[in-house]
Each structure stands twice: as structure tokens, then as C-alpha cells.
Amino acid sequence: MINRPRPNLRRNVFHRPWYMQAVDAAHRVTVLTLVAGTVYYSAFTLRMLYLNYKYRTQYSIEEREEMARQRTGEESPVAAVTAPKESMN
């Protein structure tokens, strides 16, 4: 059997040319920016959906109360404020 030297499987990864290191750094910055932006805007979108849900719920409750007041014949608070007052003389 012939004894051949083993091939060096570990290449010199850390001593790459400067332009490969620069491209690698630019790629990492780009990927991290895209990932961070996606997370940020996803959180922003979920927050806006939640706030819109809260607003719609509150609005629908107020709208139902207003409709109930109109059905019972009560004046709405806006109409009471804007209605002309009788003179107190």
C-alpha cells in the first residue's frame, strides 16, 4: 500500500482576499437589515391591526348606544348641547 499524504480539507478560510471579505460583510449587513426591517414592520403592522380592532369595537359600542337612545326617544348629548336654551329671565 502506498502512503500518500492526506489532503488538507481545512482550507485557509480566514485568510481570504480583502474583496471577498468586503463582499461577505456587505452581504451580512444586507441580510441583517432585511431581517430586522421585516421584524420591525411586522410588529408595526400587528400593532396597527390591534389598535384598529380596539377602535372599531369602541366605535361600534358607541354607535349601538346612540341607536338605542334614538329608539327610546332620548336626545343625544350633542343635540342637548347645541339646542337653543330658553331664557332664564
N, C-alpha and C. Protein backbone atom coordinates (compact mmCIF):
# COMPACT_ATOMS: atom_id res chain seq x y z
N MET A 1 0.84 -1.17 0.00
CA MET A 1 0.00 0.00 0.00
C MET A 1 0.89 1.25 0.00
N ILE A 2 0.48 2.19 -0.79
CA ILE A 2 1.26 3.42 -0.92
C ILE A 2 0.75 4.43 0.08
N ASN A 3 1.63 5.00 0.82
CA ASN A 3 1.25 6.03 1.79
C ASN A 3 1.29 7.39 1.11
N ARG A 4 0.11 7.90 0.84
CA ARG A 4 0.02 9.24 0.25
C ARG A 4 -0.29 10.24 1.36
N PRO A 5 0.15 11.44 1.20
CA PRO A 5 -0.22 12.44 2.22
C PRO A 5 -1.71 12.74 2.13
N ARG A 6 -2.29 12.92 3.28
CA ARG A 6 -3.73 13.23 3.32
C ARG A 6 -3.97 14.62 2.75
N PRO A 7 -5.06 14.79 2.04
CA PRO A 7 -5.35 16.15 1.53
C PRO A 7 -5.75 17.05 2.68
N ASN A 8 -5.37 18.28 2.58
CA ASN A 8 -5.72 19.26 3.60
C ASN A 8 -7.15 19.74 3.34
N LEU A 9 -8.11 19.21 4.12
CA LEU A 9 -9.52 19.55 3.93
C LEU A 9 -9.87 20.90 4.54
N ARG A 10 -9.06 21.32 5.47
CA ARG A 10 -9.31 22.63 6.07
C ARG A 10 -8.60 23.68 5.22
N ARG A 11 -9.39 24.42 4.53
CA ARG A 11 -8.79 25.46 3.71
C ARG A 11 -8.56 26.69 4.55
N ASN A 12 -7.80 27.55 4.05
CA ASN A 12 -7.47 28.76 4.77
C ASN A 12 -8.62 29.76 4.62
N VAL A 13 -9.68 29.56 5.42
CA VAL A 13 -10.91 30.33 5.29
C VAL A 13 -10.72 31.75 5.80
N PHE A 14 -9.95 31.90 6.85
CA PHE A 14 -9.86 33.21 7.47
C PHE A 14 -8.87 34.14 6.77
N HIS A 15 -8.13 33.63 5.84
CA HIS A 15 -7.19 34.48 5.12
C HIS A 15 -7.60 34.60 3.66
N ARG A 16 -8.84 35.06 3.50
CA ARG A 16 -9.33 35.26 2.15
C ARG A 16 -8.89 36.63 1.65
N PRO A 17 -8.99 36.86 0.38
CA PRO A 17 -8.65 38.20 -0.14
C PRO A 17 -9.58 39.26 0.43
N TRP A 18 -9.12 40.49 0.46
CA TRP A 18 -9.87 41.57 1.08
C TRP A 18 -11.20 41.81 0.40
N TYR A 19 -11.26 41.65 -0.91
CA TYR A 19 -12.51 41.91 -1.62
C TYR A 19 -13.57 40.86 -1.30
N MET A 20 -13.15 39.63 -1.02
CA MET A 20 -14.13 38.61 -0.62
C MET A 20 -14.65 38.90 0.78
N GLN A 21 -13.78 39.37 1.65
CA GLN A 21 -14.22 39.74 3.00
C GLN A 21 -15.17 40.94 2.95
N ALA A 22 -14.88 41.89 2.07
CA ALA A 22 -15.74 43.07 1.94
C ALA A 22 -17.12 42.67 1.41
N VAL A 23 -17.14 41.80 0.41
CA VAL A 23 -18.42 41.34 -0.14
C VAL A 23 -19.19 40.55 0.91
N ASP A 24 -18.49 39.74 1.68
CA ASP A 24 -19.14 38.97 2.74
C ASP A 24 -19.74 39.90 3.79
N ALA A 25 -18.99 40.91 4.18
CA ALA A 25 -19.51 41.87 5.17
C ALA A 25 -20.72 42.62 4.63
N ALA A 26 -20.66 43.04 3.37
CA ALA A 26 -21.80 43.74 2.77
C ALA A 26 -23.03 42.82 2.70
N HIS A 27 -22.81 41.58 2.40
CA HIS A 27 -23.92 40.63 2.33
C HIS A 27 -24.54 40.44 3.71
N ARG A 28 -23.70 40.32 4.74
CA ARG A 28 -24.23 40.16 6.09
C ARG A 28 -25.03 41.37 6.54
N VAL A 29 -24.52 42.55 6.24
CA VAL A 29 -25.24 43.77 6.61
C VAL A 29 -26.59 43.83 5.88
N THR A 30 -26.59 43.47 4.61
CA THR A 30 -27.84 43.49 3.82
C THR A 30 -28.86 42.51 4.40
N VAL A 31 -28.42 41.31 4.69
CA VAL A 31 -29.35 40.29 5.21
C VAL A 31 -29.88 40.71 6.58
N LEU A 32 -29.00 41.19 7.45
CA LEU A 32 -29.45 41.60 8.78
C LEU A 32 -30.40 42.79 8.70
N THR A 33 -30.16 43.70 7.76
CA THR A 33 -31.06 44.84 7.58
C THR A 33 -32.43 44.38 7.11
N LEU A 34 -32.46 43.44 6.18
CA LEU A 34 -33.74 42.94 5.67
C LEU A 34 -34.50 42.19 6.76
N VAL A 35 -33.81 41.38 7.53
CA VAL A 35 -34.47 40.63 8.59
C VAL A 35 -34.99 41.57 9.67
N ALA A 36 -34.15 42.52 10.09
CA ALA A 36 -34.58 43.46 11.13
C ALA A 36 -35.74 44.32 10.63
N GLY A 37 -35.70 44.77 9.39
CA GLY A 37 -36.80 45.56 8.85
C GLY A 37 -38.09 44.77 8.77
N THR A 38 -37.98 43.51 8.39
CA THR A 38 -39.17 42.66 8.33
C THR A 38 -39.79 42.49 9.70
N VAL A 39 -38.97 42.24 10.71
CA VAL A 39 -39.48 42.08 12.07
C VAL A 39 -40.12 43.38 12.55
N TYR A 40 -39.44 44.50 12.32
CA TYR A 40 -39.95 45.80 12.77
C TYR A 40 -41.29 46.12 12.12
N TYR A 41 -41.37 46.00 10.81
CA TYR A 41 -42.61 46.36 10.13
C TYR A 41 -43.72 45.35 10.37
N SER A 42 -43.38 44.11 10.64
CA SER A 42 -44.41 43.13 11.02
C SER A 42 -45.00 43.50 12.37
N ALA A 43 -44.14 43.87 13.31
CA ALA A 43 -44.63 44.29 14.63
C ALA A 43 -45.48 45.56 14.50
N PHE A 44 -45.05 46.50 13.68
CA PHE A 44 -45.81 47.74 13.46
C PHE A 44 -47.18 47.43 12.87
N THR A 45 -47.22 46.52 11.89
CA THR A 45 -48.49 46.17 11.25
C THR A 45 -49.42 45.48 12.25
N LEU A 46 -48.89 44.56 13.06
CA LEU A 46 -49.72 43.88 14.06
C LEU A 46 -50.25 44.88 15.09
N ARG A 47 -49.42 45.86 15.48
CA ARG A 47 -49.87 46.88 16.42
C ARG A 47 -51.00 47.70 15.83
N MET A 48 -50.87 48.09 14.57
CA MET A 48 -51.93 48.88 13.94
C MET A 48 -53.22 48.07 13.79
N LEU A 49 -53.10 46.79 13.47
CA LEU A 49 -54.30 45.94 13.39
C LEU A 49 -55.00 45.87 14.74
N TYR A 50 -54.21 45.72 15.80
CA TYR A 50 -54.79 45.65 17.14
C TYR A 50 -55.47 46.97 17.52
N LEU A 51 -54.81 48.10 17.25
CA LEU A 51 -55.40 49.39 17.60
C LEU A 51 -56.66 49.66 16.77
N ASN A 52 -56.66 49.27 15.50
CA ASN A 52 -57.87 49.44 14.69
C ASN A 52 -59.00 48.57 15.20
N TYR A 53 -58.66 47.35 15.66
CA TYR A 53 -59.68 46.46 16.23
C TYR A 53 -60.29 47.10 17.48
N LYS A 54 -59.43 47.66 18.35
CA LYS A 54 -59.92 48.32 19.55
C LYS A 54 -60.81 49.51 19.20
N TYR A 55 -60.37 50.30 18.23
CA TYR A 55 -61.14 51.48 17.83
C TYR A 55 -62.49 51.07 17.25
N ARG A 56 -62.49 50.07 16.37
CA ARG A 56 -63.76 49.62 15.77
C ARG A 56 -64.70 49.08 16.83
N THR A 57 -64.17 48.34 17.81
CA THR A 57 -65.01 47.79 18.87
C THR A 57 -65.64 48.92 19.67
N GLN A 58 -64.83 49.90 20.08
CA GLN A 58 -65.35 51.03 20.86
C GLN A 58 -66.35 51.83 20.04
N TYR A 59 -66.04 52.04 18.76
CA TYR A 59 -66.95 52.79 17.90
C TYR A 59 -68.28 52.07 17.75
N SER A 60 -68.24 50.75 17.58
CA SER A 60 -69.49 50.01 17.40
C SER A 60 -70.32 50.03 18.68
N ILE A 61 -69.66 50.00 19.84
CA ILE A 61 -70.40 50.08 21.11
C ILE A 61 -71.08 51.44 21.22
N GLU A 62 -70.35 52.51 20.92
CA GLU A 62 -70.93 53.85 20.99
C GLU A 62 -72.06 54.01 19.96
N GLU A 63 -71.86 53.44 18.79
CA GLU A 63 -72.89 53.53 17.75
C GLU A 63 -74.16 52.80 18.19
N ARG A 64 -74.01 51.63 18.82
CA ARG A 64 -75.19 50.90 19.30
C ARG A 64 -75.90 51.68 20.40
N GLU A 65 -75.13 52.30 21.30
CA GLU A 65 -75.75 53.11 22.35
C GLU A 65 -76.51 54.29 21.75
N GLU A 66 -75.93 54.92 20.75
CA GLU A 66 -76.60 56.05 20.10
C GLU A 66 -77.90 55.59 19.41
N MET A 67 -77.86 54.46 18.76
CA MET A 67 -79.08 53.94 18.11
C MET A 67 -80.14 53.60 19.15
N ALA A 68 -79.71 53.06 20.29
CA ALA A 68 -80.68 52.74 21.35
C ALA A 68 -81.30 54.01 21.91
N ARG A 69 -80.50 55.06 22.07
CA ARG A 69 -81.04 56.34 22.54
C ARG A 69 -82.07 56.90 21.55
N GLN A 70 -81.77 56.79 20.27
CA GLN A 70 -82.69 57.31 19.27
C GLN A 70 -83.99 56.51 19.25
N ARG A 71 -83.89 55.22 19.49
CA ARG A 71 -85.11 54.39 19.51
C ARG A 71 -85.99 54.73 20.70
N THR A 72 -85.37 55.04 21.85
CA THR A 72 -86.17 55.34 23.04
C THR A 72 -86.64 56.78 23.07
N GLY A 73 -86.16 57.60 22.15
CA GLY A 73 -86.63 58.97 22.06
C GLY A 73 -85.80 59.94 22.87
N GLU A 74 -84.76 59.49 23.50
CA GLU A 74 -83.90 60.40 24.25
C GLU A 74 -83.10 61.25 23.29
N GLU A 75 -82.74 62.42 23.74
CA GLU A 75 -81.89 63.28 22.92
C GLU A 75 -80.45 62.83 23.07
N SER A 76 -79.72 62.96 22.01
CA SER A 76 -78.29 62.64 22.10
C SER A 76 -77.59 63.77 22.85
N PRO A 77 -76.46 63.50 23.47
CA PRO A 77 -75.75 64.56 24.21
C PRO A 77 -75.33 65.71 23.30
N VAL A 78 -75.06 65.46 22.06
CA VAL A 78 -74.67 66.53 21.13
C VAL A 78 -75.86 67.44 20.86
N ALA A 79 -77.03 66.85 20.68
CA ALA A 79 -78.22 67.65 20.41
C ALA A 79 -78.59 68.49 21.63
N ALA A 80 -78.36 67.98 22.82
CA ALA A 80 -78.68 68.73 24.03
C ALA A 80 -77.76 69.94 24.19
N VAL A 81 -76.54 69.81 23.80
CA VAL A 81 -75.59 70.91 23.92
C VAL A 81 -75.86 71.98 22.87
N THR A 82 -76.18 71.55 21.66
CA THR A 82 -76.37 72.51 20.56
C THR A 82 -77.76 73.11 20.50
N ALA A 83 -78.71 72.55 21.24
CA ALA A 83 -80.08 73.06 21.21
C ALA A 83 -80.11 74.44 21.88
N PRO A 84 -80.95 75.37 21.36
CA PRO A 84 -81.04 76.70 21.99
C PRO A 84 -81.70 76.60 23.35
N LYS A 85 -81.14 77.32 24.31
CA LYS A 85 -81.66 77.28 25.66
C LYS A 85 -82.72 78.40 25.83
N GLU A 86 -83.67 78.13 26.65
CA GLU A 86 -84.70 79.14 26.93
C GLU A 86 -84.10 80.21 27.84
N SER A 87 -84.61 81.40 27.72
CA SER A 87 -84.06 82.49 28.54
C SER A 87 -84.52 82.29 29.98
N MET A 88 -83.67 82.61 30.90
CA MET A 88 -83.94 82.41 32.31
C MET A 88 -84.61 83.64 32.94
N ASN A 89 -84.93 84.66 32.16
CA ASN A 89 -85.50 85.90 32.73
C ASN A 89 -86.79 85.62 33.33
